[in-house]
Amino acid sequence: MRTMDETLPSFTADQPWTRAGVSRSPRRLRWSRETLIVRGLQVLVGLALLGLWQLAASNRWPDPVLAKTPLQTWHYLVHSASSGELWSNTRATLTAVLIAWVLAGAAGVVAGVALALLPRAERVLTPYLDAANAMPRIALAPLFIVALGINTSAKVAMASTLVFFIILSGARAGVRSTDAEWLRLSAVLGAKKHQVFRKILLPVATPAIFAALRLGLIYSLLGVVGSELISARNGLGQLIAYDSSTFRMEGVYGILILLAVLAVVLNQGLGLLERRLLRWQPPADR
């Protein structure tokens, strides 16, 4: 019969073992290669899109008013950035986006978790929540503008109506995904309600909440820009409305590209934060 020492794997100081007793170096190397391949393919796709754009503009495939080249769009962005117009409007838009996301996100998480923990209240309020969520948000923008004025408050209110329901649904779904066996086991072991919430419900719901927060951040940007398109003192949406009214389509293309870049940066930044905060999860679940 082997002793316990013989059944355990041998560890040496110069071997980078994980807790499972397997070296992580090959895996890190593999993921590094995969990342490089993906990034390279992303660059190629971007260059292909730019080439197609240049080809369409040079051959005047769309209407001449719309046929603006990537170089013309780049010149617009450089000129707008050097004059300070681009940065001031970007700052105004991002400020409203982050305020709406934080306020509506916090309210959505609290409301979603509370409804998941209070089934009777959820049954009573669900028809009203569904009716409010079904309202077209763009139709509410004039109401917010009349009530709050053409300032940041109206943009925040517009975006918050989008973000709140997204995060509310994510939080409710996250809490509901808790395994019933875990809850029964915790009851048998005599766990108190606050312990069940802190040790079981909240950790299980956290990934779904983060997924909803990432989606909500993008929709916050959409809500703010949509409000700016209708009426605002400043912001990227207002720049789009002005440039389109004066047929400066290179400006419209430039702002749309900037919005796409901002959306990617915000989403990737929140994804990085999620991976750091949820390090206790298996990599496949992140």
Protein backbone atom coordinates (compact mmCIF):
# COMPACT_ATOMS: atom_id res chain seq x y z
CA MET A 1 0.00 0.00 0.00
CA ARG A 2 1.36 3.43 -0.93
CA THR A 3 1.71 6.05 1.71
CA MET A 4 0.01 9.44 1.47
CA ASP A 5 3.31 11.08 0.49
CA GLU A 6 3.64 8.72 -2.47
CA THR A 7 0.18 9.60 -3.81
CA LEU A 8 0.77 13.35 -3.79
CA PRO A 9 2.39 15.02 -6.82
CA SER A 10 5.93 16.21 -6.33
CA PHE A 11 6.49 19.97 -6.42
CA THR A 12 9.79 21.74 -6.95
CA ALA A 13 10.65 25.37 -6.51
CA ASP A 14 11.46 25.91 -10.18
CA GLN A 15 8.14 24.56 -11.53
CA PRO A 16 5.27 27.09 -12.04
CA TRP A 17 2.48 24.90 -10.65
CA THR A 18 -1.11 25.95 -10.26
CA ARG A 19 -3.39 24.74 -7.49
CA ALA A 20 -4.38 21.82 -9.69
CA GLY A 21 -0.75 20.79 -10.02
CA VAL A 22 -0.44 21.63 -13.74
CA SER A 23 2.01 24.10 -15.24
CA ARG A 24 0.38 27.25 -16.58
CA SER A 25 3.19 28.28 -18.90
CA PRO A 26 2.05 26.29 -22.00
CA ARG A 27 -1.50 27.51 -21.54
CA ARG A 28 -0.40 31.12 -21.26
CA LEU A 29 1.71 30.68 -24.39
CA ARG A 30 -1.21 29.14 -26.26
CA TRP A 31 -3.55 31.96 -25.31
CA SER A 32 -0.89 34.47 -26.33
CA ARG A 33 -0.67 32.95 -29.82
CA GLU A 34 -4.45 32.84 -30.11
CA THR A 35 -4.68 36.50 -29.07
CA LEU A 36 -2.12 37.52 -31.68
CA ILE A 37 -3.98 35.61 -34.39
CA VAL A 38 -7.30 37.21 -33.44
CA ARG A 39 -5.80 40.70 -33.30
CA GLY A 40 -4.16 40.17 -36.69
CA LEU A 41 -7.43 39.05 -38.25
CA GLN A 42 -9.22 42.03 -36.71
CA VAL A 43 -6.69 44.39 -38.30
CA LEU A 44 -7.14 42.68 -41.68
CA VAL A 45 -10.93 43.01 -41.46
CA GLY A 46 -10.57 46.70 -40.59
CA LEU A 47 -8.24 47.32 -43.53
CA ALA A 48 -10.62 45.46 -45.85
CA LEU A 49 -13.52 47.65 -44.73
CA LEU A 50 -11.45 50.80 -45.26
CA GLY A 51 -10.48 49.60 -48.72
CA LEU A 52 -14.10 48.88 -49.62
CA TRP A 53 -15.10 52.32 -48.31
CA GLN A 54 -12.38 54.02 -50.39
CA LEU A 55 -13.38 52.03 -53.49
CA ALA A 56 -17.06 52.92 -53.10
CA ALA A 57 -16.31 56.62 -52.57
CA SER A 58 -13.81 56.83 -55.45
CA ASN A 59 -16.21 55.21 -57.92
CA ARG A 60 -19.16 57.27 -56.68
CA TRP A 61 -21.26 54.18 -56.01
CA PRO A 62 -23.46 55.97 -53.47
CA ASP A 63 -24.97 59.41 -54.00
CA PRO A 64 -22.25 62.06 -54.58
CA VAL A 65 -23.30 63.80 -51.39
CA LEU A 66 -22.60 60.59 -49.46
CA ALA A 67 -19.39 59.70 -51.31
CA LYS A 68 -16.80 60.87 -48.79
CA THR A 69 -13.47 59.07 -48.57
CA PRO A 70 -11.74 57.84 -45.41
CA LEU A 71 -9.08 60.54 -45.90
CA GLN A 72 -11.70 63.30 -45.92
CA THR A 73 -13.20 61.84 -42.75
CA TRP A 74 -9.77 61.71 -41.13
CA HIS A 75 -9.10 65.35 -42.02
CA TYR A 76 -12.40 66.32 -40.43
CA LEU A 77 -11.53 64.51 -37.21
CA VAL A 78 -8.06 66.08 -37.08
CA HIS A 79 -9.42 69.59 -37.68
CA SER A 80 -12.26 69.13 -35.18
CA ALA A 81 -9.86 67.77 -32.55
CA SER A 82 -7.33 70.58 -33.05
CA SER A 83 -10.05 73.21 -32.65
CA GLY A 84 -11.24 71.58 -29.40
CA GLU A 85 -14.78 71.07 -30.69
CA LEU A 86 -14.45 67.31 -30.78
CA TRP A 87 -13.08 66.94 -27.26
CA SER A 88 -15.61 69.23 -25.59
CA ASN A 89 -18.55 67.44 -27.20
CA THR A 90 -17.07 64.01 -26.48
CA ARG A 91 -16.64 64.97 -22.84
CA ALA A 92 -20.27 66.16 -22.66
CA THR A 93 -21.54 62.89 -24.13
CA LEU A 94 -19.38 60.62 -21.96
CA THR A 95 -20.31 62.54 -18.81
CA ALA A 96 -24.01 61.95 -19.43
CA VAL A 97 -23.35 58.30 -20.39
CA LEU A 98 -21.49 57.51 -17.17
CA ILE A 99 -23.95 59.35 -14.92
CA ALA A 100 -26.92 57.54 -16.46
CA TRP A 101 -25.14 54.18 -16.30
CA VAL A 102 -24.14 54.53 -12.64
CA LEU A 103 -27.53 55.79 -11.44
CA ALA A 104 -29.68 53.43 -13.49
CA GLY A 105 -27.28 50.54 -12.90
CA ALA A 106 -27.42 50.88 -9.13
CA ALA A 107 -31.21 51.23 -9.17
CA GLY A 108 -31.58 48.29 -11.57
CA VAL A 109 -29.42 45.95 -9.48
CA VAL A 110 -31.26 46.78 -6.26
CA ALA A 111 -34.70 46.51 -7.87
CA GLY A 112 -33.86 43.29 -9.72
CA VAL A 113 -32.45 41.52 -6.67
CA ALA A 114 -35.35 42.74 -4.51
CA LEU A 115 -37.97 41.49 -6.97
CA ALA A 116 -36.25 38.12 -7.27
CA LEU A 117 -36.30 37.77 -3.48
CA LEU A 118 -39.93 38.93 -3.16
CA PRO A 119 -42.03 36.74 -5.50
CA ARG A 120 -45.36 38.28 -4.52
CA ALA A 121 -44.15 41.82 -5.17
CA GLU A 122 -42.70 40.64 -8.46
CA ARG A 123 -46.03 39.18 -9.57
CA VAL A 124 -47.81 42.42 -8.69
CA LEU A 125 -45.33 44.76 -10.40
CA THR A 126 -44.38 42.70 -13.46
CA PRO A 127 -47.28 43.92 -15.71
CA TYR A 128 -46.43 47.55 -14.96
CA LEU A 129 -42.72 46.99 -15.51
CA ASP A 130 -43.40 45.24 -18.81
CA ALA A 131 -45.67 48.07 -19.93
CA ALA A 132 -43.05 50.70 -19.02
CA ASN A 133 -40.32 48.74 -20.76
CA ALA A 134 -42.43 48.42 -23.92
CA MET A 135 -42.71 52.18 -24.36
CA PRO A 136 -40.60 53.52 -27.26
CA ARG A 137 -37.87 55.54 -25.54
CA ILE A 138 -37.42 57.93 -28.45
CA ALA A 139 -41.00 59.10 -27.87
CA LEU A 140 -40.09 60.03 -24.31
CA ALA A 141 -37.18 62.24 -25.34
CA PRO A 142 -39.32 65.34 -26.08
CA LEU A 143 -41.01 64.89 -22.71
CA PHE A 144 -37.67 64.86 -20.90
CA ILE A 145 -36.45 67.85 -22.88
CA VAL A 146 -39.55 69.91 -22.05
CA ALA A 147 -39.43 68.90 -18.39
CA LEU A 148 -35.68 69.13 -17.80
CA GLY A 149 -34.42 71.40 -20.56
CA ILE A 150 -31.77 70.86 -23.22
CA ASN A 151 -29.03 69.98 -20.78
CA THR A 152 -27.33 66.96 -19.26
CA SER A 153 -30.34 66.08 -17.09
CA ALA A 154 -32.54 65.31 -20.11
CA LYS A 155 -29.84 63.12 -21.67
CA VAL A 156 -29.32 61.24 -18.40
CA ALA A 157 -33.05 60.67 -17.99
CA MET A 158 -33.38 59.36 -21.54
CA ALA A 159 -30.47 56.93 -21.20
CA SER A 160 -31.53 55.81 -17.73
CA THR A 161 -34.85 54.52 -19.04
CA LEU A 162 -32.91 52.13 -21.28
CA VAL A 163 -30.26 51.05 -18.80
CA PHE A 164 -32.57 50.45 -15.84
CA PHE A 165 -34.68 47.71 -17.42
CA ILE A 166 -31.68 45.92 -18.94
CA ILE A 167 -29.92 45.64 -15.60
CA LEU A 168 -33.16 44.90 -13.77
CA SER A 169 -33.71 41.87 -16.01
CA GLY A 170 -30.11 40.72 -15.62
CA ALA A 171 -30.20 40.92 -11.83
CA ARG A 172 -33.52 39.05 -11.64
CA ALA A 173 -32.27 36.31 -13.95
CA GLY A 174 -29.02 36.01 -12.03
CA VAL A 175 -30.71 35.48 -8.67
CA ARG A 176 -33.21 33.04 -10.18
CA SER A 177 -30.40 30.92 -11.62
CA THR A 178 -29.36 29.80 -8.14
CA ASP A 179 -29.45 26.03 -7.76
CA ALA A 180 -32.37 25.00 -5.57
CA GLU A 181 -30.25 22.23 -4.03
CA TRP A 182 -27.87 24.83 -2.65
CA LEU A 183 -30.75 26.70 -1.03
CA ARG A 184 -32.14 23.52 0.52
CA LEU A 185 -28.71 22.54 1.78
CA SER A 186 -28.18 25.97 3.33
CA ALA A 187 -31.55 25.69 5.07
CA VAL A 188 -30.63 22.26 6.44
CA LEU A 189 -27.33 23.62 7.71
CA GLY A 190 -29.15 26.44 9.48
CA ALA A 191 -27.80 29.34 7.42
CA LYS A 192 -29.44 32.69 8.10
CA LYS A 193 -31.05 34.74 5.34
CA HIS A 194 -28.25 37.29 5.15
CA GLN A 195 -25.71 34.45 4.95
CA VAL A 196 -27.61 32.77 2.11
CA PHE A 197 -27.76 36.07 0.26
CA ARG A 198 -24.09 36.92 0.78
CA LYS A 199 -22.63 33.44 0.29
CA ILE A 200 -24.93 31.93 -2.37
CA LEU A 201 -27.33 34.31 -4.11
CA LEU A 202 -25.01 37.25 -4.69
CA PRO A 203 -22.02 35.23 -6.04
CA VAL A 204 -24.31 33.28 -8.37
CA ALA A 205 -26.02 36.46 -9.65
CA THR A 206 -22.81 38.49 -10.09
CA PRO A 207 -21.86 37.19 -13.59
CA ALA A 208 -25.34 37.91 -14.93
CA ILE A 209 -25.28 41.36 -13.35
CA PHE A 210 -21.93 42.15 -14.97
CA ALA A 211 -23.22 40.97 -18.35
CA ALA A 212 -26.21 43.29 -17.96
CA LEU A 213 -23.94 46.16 -16.89
CA ARG A 214 -21.83 45.74 -20.03
CA LEU A 215 -24.91 45.77 -22.23
CA GLY A 216 -26.36 48.66 -20.25
CA LEU A 217 -23.23 50.75 -20.82
CA ILE A 218 -23.65 50.48 -24.58
CA TYR A 219 -27.34 51.32 -24.35
CA SER A 220 -26.51 54.29 -22.15
CA LEU A 221 -24.37 55.63 -24.99
CA LEU A 222 -27.21 55.00 -27.46
CA GLY A 223 -29.73 56.76 -25.22
CA VAL A 224 -27.55 59.83 -24.71
CA VAL A 225 -26.73 60.20 -28.41
CA GLY A 226 -30.40 59.70 -29.31
CA SER A 227 -31.39 62.50 -26.96
CA GLU A 228 -28.66 64.75 -28.37
CA LEU A 229 -29.89 64.11 -31.91
CA ILE A 230 -33.27 65.56 -30.99
CA SER A 231 -32.11 68.58 -29.01
CA ALA A 232 -29.08 69.42 -26.89
CA ARG A 233 -26.60 72.21 -26.27
CA ASN A 234 -23.61 69.98 -26.94
CA GLY A 235 -22.58 66.38 -27.45
CA LEU A 236 -21.62 64.08 -30.30
CA GLY A 237 -25.24 63.53 -31.26
CA GLN A 238 -25.68 67.27 -31.70
CA LEU A 239 -22.60 67.34 -33.94
CA ILE A 240 -24.13 64.59 -36.09
CA ALA A 241 -27.40 66.54 -36.36
CA TYR A 242 -25.58 69.74 -37.35
CA ASP A 243 -23.24 68.09 -39.86
CA SER A 244 -26.06 66.17 -41.53
CA SER A 245 -28.16 69.33 -41.84
CA THR A 246 -25.25 71.08 -43.59
CA PHE A 247 -24.42 68.01 -45.74
CA ARG A 248 -20.99 67.58 -44.19
CA MET A 249 -21.16 63.83 -44.46
CA GLU A 250 -17.47 63.36 -43.68
CA GLY A 251 -18.31 64.83 -40.27
CA VAL A 252 -21.19 62.39 -39.81
CA TYR A 253 -18.94 59.46 -40.74
CA GLY A 254 -16.20 60.68 -38.42
CA ILE A 255 -18.49 61.02 -35.41
CA LEU A 256 -20.06 57.62 -36.09
CA ILE A 257 -16.61 56.04 -36.18
CA LEU A 258 -15.67 57.83 -32.96
CA LEU A 259 -18.85 56.54 -31.29
CA ALA A 260 -18.03 53.01 -32.41
CA VAL A 261 -14.50 53.32 -30.97
CA LEU A 262 -15.88 54.70 -27.70
CA ALA A 263 -18.34 51.80 -27.45
CA VAL A 264 -15.55 49.26 -27.97
CA VAL A 265 -13.26 50.95 -25.43
CA LEU A 266 -16.01 51.18 -22.80
CA ASN A 267 -17.05 47.57 -23.32
CA GLN A 268 -13.48 46.25 -23.23
CA GLY A 269 -12.67 48.31 -20.15
CA LEU A 270 -15.67 46.96 -18.27
CA GLY A 271 -14.82 43.46 -19.46
CA LEU A 272 -11.31 43.82 -18.02
CA LEU A 273 -12.77 45.01 -14.72
CA GLU A 274 -15.16 42.05 -14.72
CA ARG A 275 -12.31 39.56 -15.23
CA ARG A 276 -10.35 41.09 -12.38
CA LEU A 277 -13.27 41.10 -9.97
CA LEU A 278 -14.45 37.61 -10.94
CA ARG A 279 -11.08 35.88 -10.77
CA TRP A 280 -12.63 33.26 -8.48
CA GLN A 281 -14.63 31.92 -11.43
CA PRO A 282 -13.25 29.27 -13.80
CA PRO A 283 -11.88 30.90 -17.00
CA ALA A 284 -14.48 29.16 -19.17
CA ASP A 285 -17.26 30.83 -17.18
CA ARG A 286 -15.82 34.29 -17.58
